[in-house]
Structures are given as structure tokens and as C-alpha cells.
């Protein structure tokens, strides 16, 4: 009796597997489209991160007495720049500290504010510290600074920035400022140097 051959049974794909495959395909297409939109928006708008920088300063007062009390007054002009031609930017949590050789002299703050497209806002801070007691080491540092006719301050802080780039949505960055301000105490003039924010 000749052997009988039976054709193999066709496997039927479960409908749930088809559903999962369709969903994954749709998600993959959506991701690709979103990537194209973001890339195209970037090429069209060329977004620029807002920047805060020191554009001017003057040492109005720098003196300490025999008791080691330091009195200072510094004028600092900080510019908030939004280089985006198609999007306004907002700044918040703006807070910058002024230090003299590690000793905190003052805090510079600003309420939340807006900077329109491709423009800037200047803040003119007049930083006047109360008499600050200096320890012997700081007194020696201040005396050396006066003899060399160069006084150095440290400026540290930052501001939270946010701006909207068309359909790309809202973009947020933290601008950090960390630089030195140098002056000639003999006439109070500012020694220009680069002092601009970095982003995080």
C-alpha cells in the first residue's frame, strides 16, 4: 500500500499579532515624520540660545579702613540678548552674585521678563555693599590689589530661559554666568573681558 502524503497545514497569524504590527508601523512612521518636522523647522528657523552678558561696568567705590571694613559700589550693565528672529524669549529665576576673593558682596536679581524677537534688554545694576569685615588675609589681598591698581571681582549666577520655536514647541535652557570683572581702582575704569553665559 503506497504511503500517503498530507500537505502541511497553513499557519494562521493571530489577529492580535497583526494589530501589534500595525501599531508599531504607525508609531515608526510617526517618529520619522516628527524627526523630519523638527529637522526642517531647525533649518528654517535657525534657533539661537538666548544669552546674558556683561557689556559694561564701573568701580564707583572701593575702600577699606583700619578696622578692616570694606566698602564697595560697582555699576554693572548686564544685557539679555534674544537672537531669534522668529520667536520671543522669556527669562526667569535671574540671580547673580558678586564675590570679592570668595567673599559674597551682593546679589543681583530681576523679576521674570520677556525679550522680543531679535532684540535685547539691558539691566543697569548699581551694587552697593554694606561695610564688610575683612579677615587679615582679605585685607592683604585688598591692599595688594590697590597697589597693583587692579581689583578683581567674581560674578556667578544665571537665568532660566524659555522660548517657543513654531510647531517645534517650547525650548528651555539654563544660562550660567561665571566670569571675572577687573577694574582700575585709581579711576574706577572697567578692564573689558569676555563675560557671557554658557548653557545647560
N, C-alpha and C. Protein backbone atom coordinates (compact mmCIF):
# COMPACT_ATOMS: atom_id res chain seq x y z
N UNK A 1 0.86 -1.20 0.00
CA UNK A 1 0.00 0.00 0.00
C UNK A 1 0.89 1.24 0.00
N UNK A 2 0.75 2.06 -1.04
CA UNK A 2 1.64 3.22 -1.12
C UNK A 2 1.40 4.21 0.02
N UNK A 3 2.50 4.87 0.49
CA UNK A 3 2.33 5.82 1.61
C UNK A 3 1.51 7.03 1.17
N UNK A 4 0.82 7.58 2.15
CA UNK A 4 0.00 8.77 1.89
C UNK A 4 0.74 10.02 2.37
N UNK A 5 0.68 11.04 1.55
CA UNK A 5 1.31 12.32 1.91
C UNK A 5 0.21 13.36 2.16
N UNK A 6 0.35 14.04 3.30
CA UNK A 6 -0.62 15.08 3.63
C UNK A 6 0.05 16.45 3.53
N UNK A 7 -0.55 17.39 2.82
CA UNK A 7 0.06 18.74 2.71
C UNK A 7 0.14 19.41 4.08
N UNK A 8 1.24 20.19 4.32
CA UNK A 8 1.36 20.87 5.62
C UNK A 8 0.25 21.89 5.85
N UNK A 9 -0.16 21.97 7.07
CA UNK A 9 -1.21 22.93 7.41
C UNK A 9 -0.67 24.36 7.37
N UNK A 10 -1.45 25.25 6.83
CA UNK A 10 -1.05 26.67 6.79
C UNK A 10 -1.28 27.28 8.15
N UNK A 11 -0.23 27.95 8.62
CA UNK A 11 -0.36 28.62 9.92
C UNK A 11 -1.12 29.93 9.75
N UNK A 12 -2.08 30.17 10.56
CA UNK A 12 -2.88 31.40 10.51
C UNK A 12 -2.35 32.35 11.59
N UNK A 13 -1.93 33.54 11.13
CA UNK A 13 -1.41 34.54 12.09
C UNK A 13 -2.55 35.07 12.95
N UNK A 14 -2.27 35.09 14.23
CA UNK A 14 -3.29 35.56 15.17
C UNK A 14 -3.60 37.04 14.92
N UNK A 15 -4.85 37.44 14.96
CA UNK A 15 -5.22 38.85 14.72
C UNK A 15 -4.51 39.83 15.67
N UNK A 16 -4.21 39.40 16.90
CA UNK A 16 -3.53 40.29 17.85
C UNK A 16 -2.13 40.64 17.36
N UNK A 17 -1.44 39.69 16.76
CA UNK A 17 -0.10 39.95 16.23
C UNK A 17 -0.17 40.96 15.08
N UNK A 18 -1.20 40.80 14.21
CA UNK A 18 -1.39 41.79 13.14
C UNK A 18 -1.63 43.18 13.71
N UNK A 19 -2.42 43.24 14.76
CA UNK A 19 -2.74 44.53 15.38
C UNK A 19 -1.48 45.18 15.95
N UNK A 20 -0.64 44.38 16.63
CA UNK A 20 0.61 44.91 17.19
C UNK A 20 1.54 45.39 16.08
N UNK A 21 1.59 44.62 14.98
CA UNK A 21 2.46 45.00 13.85
C UNK A 21 1.99 46.32 13.23
N UNK A 22 0.68 46.48 13.09
CA UNK A 22 0.13 47.72 12.52
C UNK A 22 0.43 48.91 13.42
N UNK A 23 0.27 48.72 14.74
CA UNK A 23 0.54 49.81 15.70
C UNK A 23 2.01 50.21 15.65
N UNK A 24 2.90 49.21 15.62
CA UNK A 24 4.34 49.51 15.56
C UNK A 24 4.70 50.24 14.28
N UNK A 25 4.06 49.86 13.18
CA UNK A 25 4.32 50.54 11.91
C UNK A 25 3.87 51.99 11.96
N UNK A 26 2.70 52.22 12.53
CA UNK A 26 2.19 53.60 12.66
C UNK A 26 3.10 54.44 13.53
N UNK A 27 3.56 53.85 14.65
CA UNK A 27 4.47 54.58 15.55
C UNK A 27 5.78 54.92 14.86
N UNK A 28 6.32 53.97 14.10
CA UNK A 28 7.58 54.21 13.38
C UNK A 28 7.42 55.33 12.36
N UNK A 29 6.30 55.33 11.65
CA UNK A 29 6.04 56.39 10.67
C UNK A 29 5.89 57.74 11.37
N UNK A 30 5.20 57.74 12.52
CA UNK A 30 5.01 58.99 13.28
C UNK A 30 6.35 59.55 13.75
N UNK A 31 7.24 58.68 14.23
CA UNK A 31 8.57 59.12 14.68
C UNK A 31 9.37 59.72 13.52
N UNK A 32 9.30 59.06 12.37
CA UNK A 32 10.02 59.56 11.19
C UNK A 32 9.49 60.93 10.77
N UNK A 33 8.17 61.08 10.75
CA UNK A 33 7.56 62.36 10.37
C UNK A 33 7.95 63.45 11.37
N UNK A 34 7.90 63.12 12.67
CA UNK A 34 8.28 64.09 13.70
C UNK A 34 9.73 64.53 13.54
N UNK A 35 10.61 63.57 13.23
CA UNK A 35 12.01 63.91 13.02
C UNK A 35 12.20 64.84 11.83
N UNK A 36 11.46 64.57 10.76
CA UNK A 36 11.54 65.43 9.57
C UNK A 36 11.05 66.83 9.89
N UNK A 37 9.94 66.93 10.66
CA UNK A 37 9.39 68.24 11.02
C UNK A 37 10.38 69.03 11.87
N UNK A 38 10.97 68.35 12.87
CA UNK A 38 11.93 69.03 13.75
C UNK A 38 13.15 69.49 12.96
N UNK A 39 13.68 68.63 12.12
CA UNK A 39 14.86 68.99 11.33
C UNK A 39 14.56 70.13 10.37
N UNK A 40 13.40 70.07 9.71
CA UNK A 40 13.01 71.14 8.79
C UNK A 40 12.81 72.45 9.53
N UNK A 41 12.16 72.38 10.70
CA UNK A 41 11.95 73.59 11.50
C UNK A 41 13.27 74.20 11.94
N UNK A 42 14.22 73.35 12.29
CA UNK A 42 15.53 73.86 12.70
C UNK A 42 16.22 74.56 11.54
N UNK A 43 16.17 73.95 10.35
CA UNK A 43 16.82 74.55 9.18
C UNK A 43 16.16 75.88 8.80
N UNK A 44 14.84 75.95 8.95
CA UNK A 44 14.11 77.16 8.56
C UNK A 44 14.32 78.29 9.56
N UNK A 45 14.27 77.95 10.87
CA UNK A 45 14.27 78.99 11.90
C UNK A 45 15.65 79.30 12.45
N UNK A 46 16.60 78.39 12.32
CA UNK A 46 17.95 78.58 12.87
C UNK A 46 17.87 79.11 14.31
N UNK A 47 17.31 78.36 15.25
CA UNK A 47 17.14 78.86 16.62
C UNK A 47 18.46 79.17 17.30
N UNK A 48 18.48 80.27 18.02
CA UNK A 48 19.67 80.66 18.78
C UNK A 48 19.33 80.73 20.26
N UNK A 49 20.24 80.25 21.06
CA UNK A 49 20.01 80.24 22.50
C UNK A 49 20.19 81.65 23.05
N UNK A 50 19.22 82.16 23.83
CA UNK A 50 19.38 83.48 24.44
C UNK A 50 20.64 83.55 25.30
N UNK A 51 21.22 84.73 25.37
CA UNK A 51 22.50 84.90 26.06
C UNK A 51 22.41 86.08 27.03
N UNK A 52 23.05 85.92 28.19
CA UNK A 52 23.23 87.05 29.11
C UNK A 52 24.72 87.35 29.20
N UNK A 53 25.06 88.63 29.16
CA UNK A 53 26.47 89.01 29.17
C UNK A 53 26.66 90.39 29.80
N UNK A 54 27.86 90.62 30.30
CA UNK A 54 28.22 91.93 30.85
C UNK A 54 28.75 92.79 29.71
N UNK A 55 28.11 93.92 29.48
CA UNK A 55 28.51 94.81 28.38
C UNK A 55 29.16 96.10 28.88
N UNK A 56 29.19 96.28 30.18
CA UNK A 56 29.81 97.49 30.73
C UNK A 56 29.83 97.45 32.24
N UNK A 57 30.76 98.16 32.84
CA UNK A 57 30.85 98.19 34.30
C UNK A 57 31.73 99.36 34.73
N UNK A 58 31.61 99.73 36.00
CA UNK A 58 32.44 100.80 36.56
C UNK A 58 32.56 100.59 38.06
N UNK A 59 33.76 100.77 38.58
CA UNK A 59 34.00 100.66 40.02
C UNK A 59 33.83 102.05 40.63
N UNK A 60 32.69 102.28 41.27
CA UNK A 60 32.38 103.59 41.82
C UNK A 60 33.08 103.85 43.16
N UNK A 61 33.26 102.78 43.94
CA UNK A 61 33.87 102.94 45.25
C UNK A 61 34.56 101.65 45.66
N UNK A 62 35.77 101.78 46.19
CA UNK A 62 36.47 100.62 46.73
C UNK A 62 37.44 101.13 47.79
N UNK A 63 37.09 100.93 49.04
CA UNK A 63 37.96 101.39 50.12
C UNK A 63 37.71 100.56 51.38
N UNK A 64 38.76 100.44 52.17
CA UNK A 64 38.61 99.79 53.46
C UNK A 64 39.42 100.57 54.49
N UNK A 65 38.90 100.58 55.72
CA UNK A 65 39.52 101.39 56.76
C UNK A 65 40.47 100.54 57.61
N UNK A 66 40.99 101.18 58.67
CA UNK A 66 41.95 100.50 59.53
C UNK A 66 41.32 99.34 60.29
N UNK A 67 39.99 99.40 60.46
CA UNK A 67 39.30 98.32 61.16
C UNK A 67 39.05 97.13 60.24
N UNK A 68 39.41 97.26 58.97
CA UNK A 68 39.25 96.15 58.03
C UNK A 68 37.87 96.05 57.43
N UNK A 69 37.13 97.17 57.42
CA UNK A 69 35.79 97.17 56.83
C UNK A 69 35.87 97.64 55.38
N UNK A 70 35.38 96.81 54.49
CA UNK A 70 35.42 97.12 53.07
C UNK A 70 34.09 97.73 52.62
N UNK A 71 34.19 98.82 51.87
CA UNK A 71 33.01 99.42 51.25
C UNK A 71 33.21 99.45 49.75
N UNK A 72 32.22 98.96 49.03
CA UNK A 72 32.32 98.94 47.58
C UNK A 72 31.00 99.40 46.95
N UNK A 73 31.13 99.94 45.75
CA UNK A 73 29.97 100.21 44.91
C UNK A 73 30.40 99.98 43.47
N UNK A 74 29.68 99.09 42.80
CA UNK A 74 30.01 98.72 41.43
C UNK A 74 28.77 98.87 40.56
N UNK A 75 28.94 99.50 39.42
CA UNK A 75 27.87 99.56 38.42
C UNK A 75 28.13 98.51 37.36
N UNK A 76 27.14 97.65 37.15
CA UNK A 76 27.29 96.56 36.19
C UNK A 76 26.10 96.58 35.22
N UNK A 77 26.38 96.56 33.94
CA UNK A 77 25.33 96.52 32.92
C UNK A 77 25.30 95.11 32.32
N UNK A 78 24.19 94.41 32.56
CA UNK A 78 24.02 93.05 32.04
C UNK A 78 22.98 93.08 30.93
N UNK A 79 23.34 92.52 29.79
CA UNK A 79 22.44 92.51 28.63
C UNK A 79 21.88 91.09 28.42
N UNK A 80 20.55 91.04 28.28
CA UNK A 80 19.86 89.80 27.95
C UNK A 80 19.52 89.85 26.46
N UNK A 81 20.12 88.98 25.70
CA UNK A 81 20.02 89.03 24.25
C UNK A 81 19.24 87.82 23.70
N UNK A 82 18.23 88.10 22.87
CA UNK A 82 17.49 87.05 22.17
C UNK A 82 17.76 87.20 20.69
N UNK A 83 18.58 86.31 20.13
CA UNK A 83 18.97 86.41 18.74
C UNK A 83 18.02 85.72 17.78
N UNK A 84 16.88 85.22 18.28
CA UNK A 84 15.92 84.55 17.41
C UNK A 84 15.06 85.57 16.69
N UNK A 85 15.06 85.50 15.37
CA UNK A 85 14.30 86.46 14.57
C UNK A 85 12.82 86.11 14.49
N UNK A 86 12.44 84.88 14.90
CA UNK A 86 11.05 84.47 14.75
C UNK A 86 10.41 84.00 16.05
N UNK A 87 11.06 84.27 17.18
CA UNK A 87 10.50 83.81 18.46
C UNK A 87 10.95 84.70 19.60
N UNK A 88 10.00 85.12 20.43
CA UNK A 88 10.33 85.86 21.64
C UNK A 88 10.86 84.92 22.71
N UNK A 89 11.55 85.47 23.69
CA UNK A 89 12.12 84.65 24.76
C UNK A 89 11.74 85.23 26.11
N UNK A 90 11.60 84.35 27.08
CA UNK A 90 11.31 84.79 28.44
C UNK A 90 12.46 84.40 29.36
N UNK A 91 12.74 85.24 30.32
CA UNK A 91 13.79 84.99 31.31
C UNK A 91 13.14 84.95 32.70
N UNK A 92 13.56 84.02 33.52
CA UNK A 92 13.05 83.92 34.89
C UNK A 92 14.14 83.38 35.81
N UNK A 93 13.88 83.47 37.11
CA UNK A 93 14.85 82.99 38.12
C UNK A 93 16.23 83.60 37.90
N UNK A 94 16.25 84.88 37.53
CA UNK A 94 17.53 85.56 37.30
C UNK A 94 18.16 85.96 38.62
N UNK A 95 19.33 85.44 38.88
CA UNK A 95 20.03 85.74 40.13
C UNK A 95 21.54 85.59 39.91
N UNK A 96 22.27 86.66 40.21
CA UNK A 96 23.72 86.67 40.02
C UNK A 96 24.37 87.21 41.29
N UNK A 97 25.47 86.59 41.71
CA UNK A 97 26.17 87.00 42.92
C UNK A 97 27.53 87.62 42.57
N UNK A 98 27.88 88.64 43.33
CA UNK A 98 29.17 89.30 43.17
C UNK A 98 30.06 88.93 44.35
N UNK A 99 31.27 88.43 44.05
CA UNK A 99 32.20 87.99 45.09
C UNK A 99 33.50 88.78 45.00
N UNK A 100 34.09 88.98 46.17
CA UNK A 100 35.45 89.53 46.23
C UNK A 100 36.33 88.50 46.91
N UNK A 101 37.16 87.82 46.11
CA UNK A 101 38.04 86.77 46.59
C UNK A 101 37.28 85.75 47.45
N UNK A 102 36.14 85.29 46.94
CA UNK A 102 35.35 84.28 47.63
C UNK A 102 34.35 84.82 48.63
N UNK A 103 34.43 86.12 48.95
CA UNK A 103 33.52 86.74 49.91
C UNK A 103 32.33 87.33 49.14
N UNK A 104 31.11 86.86 49.48
CA UNK A 104 29.92 87.34 48.79
C UNK A 104 29.65 88.79 49.17
N UNK A 105 29.60 89.65 48.14
CA UNK A 105 29.38 91.08 48.35
C UNK A 105 27.91 91.45 48.18
N UNK A 106 27.29 90.96 47.11
CA UNK A 106 25.91 91.36 46.83
C UNK A 106 25.26 90.35 45.89
N UNK A 107 23.93 90.46 45.78
CA UNK A 107 23.15 89.63 44.87
C UNK A 107 22.39 90.52 43.90
N UNK A 108 22.42 90.17 42.62
CA UNK A 108 21.71 90.92 41.59
C UNK A 108 20.55 90.05 41.10
N UNK A 109 19.33 90.58 41.17
CA UNK A 109 18.16 89.79 40.79
C UNK A 109 17.30 90.60 39.81
N UNK A 110 16.38 89.88 39.14
CA UNK A 110 15.43 90.52 38.24
C UNK A 110 14.15 89.69 38.22
N UNK A 111 13.00 90.38 38.18
CA UNK A 111 11.72 89.68 38.05
C UNK A 111 11.63 89.06 36.66
N UNK A 112 10.75 88.06 36.48
CA UNK A 112 10.58 87.47 35.14
C UNK A 112 10.24 88.54 34.10
N UNK A 113 10.79 88.41 32.92
CA UNK A 113 10.57 89.41 31.88
C UNK A 113 10.67 88.75 30.51
N UNK A 114 10.21 89.48 29.49
CA UNK A 114 10.21 89.00 28.11
C UNK A 114 11.18 89.83 27.27
N UNK A 115 11.80 89.17 26.30
CA UNK A 115 12.64 89.85 25.31
C UNK A 115 12.07 89.50 23.94
N UNK A 116 11.67 90.49 23.18
CA UNK A 116 11.04 90.25 21.89
C UNK A 116 12.03 89.70 20.88
N UNK A 117 11.51 89.38 19.69
CA UNK A 117 12.32 88.76 18.64
C UNK A 117 13.52 89.62 18.26
N UNK A 118 14.64 88.98 18.18
CA UNK A 118 15.88 89.62 17.69
C UNK A 118 16.16 90.96 18.37
N UNK A 119 16.09 90.98 19.68
CA UNK A 119 16.35 92.22 20.41
C UNK A 119 17.01 91.89 21.75
N UNK A 120 17.22 92.91 22.57
CA UNK A 120 17.89 92.72 23.85
C UNK A 120 17.35 93.70 24.88
N UNK A 121 17.61 93.38 26.14
CA UNK A 121 17.21 94.24 27.26
C UNK A 121 18.43 94.40 28.16
N UNK A 122 18.74 95.65 28.53
CA UNK A 122 19.87 95.93 29.41
C UNK A 122 19.38 96.20 30.83
N UNK A 123 20.09 95.64 31.81
CA UNK A 123 19.81 95.90 33.21
C UNK A 123 21.02 96.63 33.80
N UNK A 124 20.76 97.80 34.34
CA UNK A 124 21.82 98.63 34.91
C UNK A 124 21.79 98.46 36.43
N UNK A 125 22.66 97.61 36.95
CA UNK A 125 22.71 97.35 38.38
C UNK A 125 23.73 98.26 39.05
N UNK A 126 23.31 98.91 40.12
CA UNK A 126 24.24 99.65 40.97
C UNK A 126 24.37 98.85 42.26
N UNK A 127 25.49 98.16 42.39
CA UNK A 127 25.70 97.24 43.51
C UNK A 127 26.46 97.97 44.60
N UNK A 128 25.76 98.28 45.68
CA UNK A 128 26.39 98.98 46.81
C UNK A 128 26.34 98.06 48.02
N UNK A 129 27.50 97.65 48.48
CA UNK A 129 27.55 96.73 49.61
C UNK A 129 27.62 97.50 50.92
N UNK A 130 27.08 96.90 51.95
CA UNK A 130 27.27 97.43 53.29
C UNK A 130 28.73 97.19 53.69
N UNK A 131 29.22 97.92 54.70
CA UNK A 131 30.60 97.66 55.14
C UNK A 131 30.80 96.19 55.50
N UNK A 132 31.76 95.57 54.82
CA UNK A 132 32.01 94.14 55.01
C UNK A 132 33.33 93.95 55.75
N UNK A 133 33.32 93.23 56.88
CA UNK A 133 34.58 93.00 57.60
C UNK A 133 35.48 92.03 56.85
N UNK A 134 36.74 92.40 56.72
CA UNK A 134 37.72 91.56 56.04
C UNK A 134 38.64 90.92 57.07
N UNK A 135 38.93 89.64 56.86
CA UNK A 135 39.92 89.00 57.72
C UNK A 135 41.31 89.45 57.26
N UNK A 136 42.36 89.18 58.05
CA UNK A 136 43.70 89.64 57.67
C UNK A 136 44.13 89.24 56.26
N UNK A 137 43.76 88.02 55.84
CA UNK A 137 44.15 87.56 54.51
C UNK A 137 43.48 88.39 53.42
N UNK A 138 42.18 88.69 53.60
CA UNK A 138 41.47 89.50 52.63
C UNK A 138 41.95 90.96 52.65
N UNK A 139 42.33 91.44 53.83
CA UNK A 139 42.89 92.80 53.91
C UNK A 139 44.18 92.88 53.09
N UNK A 140 45.00 91.84 53.22
CA UNK A 140 46.25 91.83 52.46
C UNK A 140 45.96 91.76 50.96
N UNK A 141 44.93 90.97 50.58
CA UNK A 141 44.56 90.85 49.18
C UNK A 141 44.06 92.20 48.64
N UNK A 142 43.24 92.90 49.45
CA UNK A 142 42.73 94.20 49.03
C UNK A 142 43.86 95.22 48.91
N UNK A 143 44.79 95.16 49.86
CA UNK A 143 45.92 96.10 49.83
C UNK A 143 46.79 95.85 48.59
N UNK A 144 47.03 94.58 48.28
CA UNK A 144 47.81 94.24 47.08
C UNK A 144 47.10 94.70 45.82
N UNK A 145 45.79 94.55 45.79
CA UNK A 145 45.00 94.98 44.63
C UNK A 145 45.12 96.47 44.42
N UNK A 146 45.07 97.23 45.51
CA UNK A 146 45.19 98.69 45.40
C UNK A 146 46.59 99.10 44.92
N UNK A 147 47.61 98.41 45.41
CA UNK A 147 48.97 98.73 45.00
C UNK A 147 49.20 98.42 43.52
N UNK A 148 48.59 97.31 43.05
CA UNK A 148 48.73 96.94 41.64
C UNK A 148 47.76 97.70 40.74
N UNK A 149 46.84 98.42 41.36
CA UNK A 149 45.80 99.16 40.65
C UNK A 149 44.93 98.24 39.79
N UNK A 150 44.68 97.04 40.30
CA UNK A 150 43.77 96.10 39.63
C UNK A 150 42.97 95.37 40.71
N UNK A 151 41.65 95.59 40.69
CA UNK A 151 40.76 94.91 41.63
C UNK A 151 39.91 93.92 40.85
N UNK A 152 39.80 92.71 41.38
CA UNK A 152 39.07 91.64 40.69
C UNK A 152 37.86 91.20 41.50
N UNK A 153 36.74 91.07 40.82
CA UNK A 153 35.52 90.51 41.40
C UNK A 153 35.12 89.28 40.58
N UNK A 154 34.40 88.37 41.23
CA UNK A 154 33.84 87.22 40.53
C UNK A 154 32.33 87.40 40.43
N UNK A 155 31.79 87.09 39.26
CA UNK A 155 30.36 87.21 39.00
C UNK A 155 29.83 85.82 38.65
N UNK A 156 28.92 85.31 39.49
CA UNK A 156 28.41 83.95 39.28
C UNK A 156 26.89 83.92 39.46
N UNK A 157 26.23 83.20 38.58
CA UNK A 157 24.78 83.07 38.68
C UNK A 157 24.20 82.67 37.35
N UNK A 158 22.96 83.07 37.10
CA UNK A 158 22.36 82.73 35.82
C UNK A 158 20.90 83.08 35.74
N UNK A 159 20.27 82.59 34.68
CA UNK A 159 18.85 82.86 34.42
C UNK A 159 18.28 81.69 33.63
N UNK A 160 17.01 81.40 33.89
CA UNK A 160 16.33 80.35 33.15
C UNK A 160 15.64 80.97 31.93
N UNK A 161 15.91 80.43 30.76
CA UNK A 161 15.34 80.99 29.53
C UNK A 161 14.37 80.00 28.89
N UNK A 162 13.40 80.57 28.21
CA UNK A 162 12.39 79.74 27.54
C UNK A 162 11.89 80.48 26.32
N UNK A 163 11.82 79.79 25.20
CA UNK A 163 11.23 80.41 24.01
C UNK A 163 10.58 79.34 23.16
N UNK A 164 9.63 79.79 22.33
CA UNK A 164 8.84 78.87 21.51
C UNK A 164 9.31 78.93 20.06
N UNK A 165 9.56 77.77 19.48
CA UNK A 165 10.03 77.71 18.10
C UNK A 165 8.92 77.10 17.24
N UNK A 166 8.00 77.91 16.80
CA UNK A 166 6.93 77.49 15.90
C UNK A 166 6.26 76.21 16.36
N UNK A 167 6.14 75.24 15.44
CA UNK A 167 5.48 73.97 15.75
C UNK A 167 6.38 73.04 16.55
N UNK A 168 7.63 73.44 16.74
CA UNK A 168 8.56 72.57 17.47
C UNK A 168 8.29 72.58 18.97
N UNK A 169 7.53 73.56 19.42
CA UNK A 169 7.19 73.62 20.84
C UNK A 169 8.11 74.52 21.64
N UNK A 170 8.06 74.38 22.95
CA UNK A 170 8.82 75.23 23.86
C UNK A 170 10.19 74.64 24.13
N UNK A 171 11.20 75.51 24.16
CA UNK A 171 12.57 75.08 24.42
C UNK A 171 13.07 75.82 25.66
N UNK A 172 13.69 75.09 26.58
CA UNK A 172 14.16 75.69 27.82
C UNK A 172 15.66 75.44 28.00
N UNK A 173 16.34 76.46 28.52
CA UNK A 173 17.76 76.34 28.83
C UNK A 173 18.05 77.11 30.12
N UNK A 174 19.15 76.75 30.74
CA UNK A 174 19.63 77.48 31.91
C UNK A 174 20.92 78.17 31.51
N UNK A 175 20.91 79.51 31.49
CA UNK A 175 22.10 80.28 31.15
C UNK A 175 22.93 80.51 32.41
N UNK A 176 24.17 80.09 32.39
CA UNK A 176 25.04 80.23 33.56
C UNK A 176 26.14 81.25 33.28
N UNK A 177 26.30 82.16 34.24
CA UNK A 177 27.32 83.19 34.13
C UNK A 177 28.39 82.93 35.18
N UNK A 178 29.63 82.86 34.76
CA UNK A 178 30.74 82.62 35.68
C UNK A 178 31.99 83.27 35.08
N UNK A 179 32.29 84.47 35.54
CA UNK A 179 33.42 85.19 34.96
C UNK A 179 33.99 86.19 35.97
N UNK A 180 35.05 86.85 35.58
CA UNK A 180 35.72 87.82 36.43
C UNK A 180 35.55 89.23 35.86
N UNK A 181 35.38 90.17 36.78
CA UNK A 181 35.33 91.59 36.41
C UNK A 181 36.54 92.26 37.03
N UNK A 182 37.32 92.95 36.21
CA UNK A 182 38.52 93.62 36.71
C UNK A 182 38.42 95.12 36.49
N UNK A 183 38.91 95.87 37.47
CA UNK A 183 38.83 97.33 37.42
C UNK A 183 40.17 97.94 37.83
N UNK A 184 40.37 99.20 37.41
CA UNK A 184 41.46 100.03 37.92
C UNK A 184 40.87 100.90 39.03
N UNK A 185 41.20 100.60 40.30
CA UNK A 185 40.61 101.39 41.39
C UNK A 185 41.02 102.85 41.38
N UNK A 186 42.12 103.18 40.72
CA UNK A 186 42.56 104.58 40.69
C UNK A 186 41.54 105.49 40.00
N UNK A 187 40.88 104.97 38.97
CA UNK A 187 39.87 105.78 38.28
C UNK A 187 38.54 105.04 38.09
N UNK A 188 38.46 103.83 38.59
CA UNK A 188 37.22 103.07 38.52
C UNK A 188 36.91 102.44 37.18
N UNK A 189 37.81 102.55 36.22
CA UNK A 189 37.52 102.06 34.87
C UNK A 189 37.50 100.53 34.83
N UNK A 190 36.66 100.02 33.97
CA UNK A 190 36.49 98.59 33.78
C UNK A 190 37.48 98.09 32.74
N UNK A 191 38.13 96.96 33.04
CA UNK A 191 39.06 96.33 32.10
C UNK A 191 38.23 95.32 31.31
N UNK A 192 37.88 95.63 30.06
CA UNK A 192 36.98 94.77 29.28
C UNK A 192 37.51 93.34 29.14
N UNK A 193 36.60 92.39 29.30
CA UNK A 193 36.94 90.97 29.10
C UNK A 193 35.64 90.24 28.74
N UNK A 194 35.78 89.08 28.14
CA UNK A 194 34.59 88.32 27.75
C UNK A 194 33.87 87.80 29.00
N UNK A 195 32.60 88.13 29.08
CA UNK A 195 31.79 87.68 30.22
C UNK A 195 30.38 87.37 29.70
N UNK A 196 30.21 86.17 29.16
CA UNK A 196 28.93 85.75 28.60
C UNK A 196 28.55 84.39 29.17
N UNK A 197 27.26 84.11 29.09
CA UNK A 197 26.74 82.90 29.69
C UNK A 197 27.04 81.66 28.86
N UNK A 198 27.08 80.54 29.56
CA UNK A 198 27.11 79.24 28.92
C UNK A 198 25.75 78.60 29.17
N UNK A 199 25.41 77.57 28.43
CA UNK A 199 24.09 76.96 28.55
C UNK A 199 24.17 75.57 29.13
N UNK A 200 23.06 75.19 29.71
CA UNK A 200 22.95 73.84 30.29
C UNK A 200 21.55 73.31 30.02
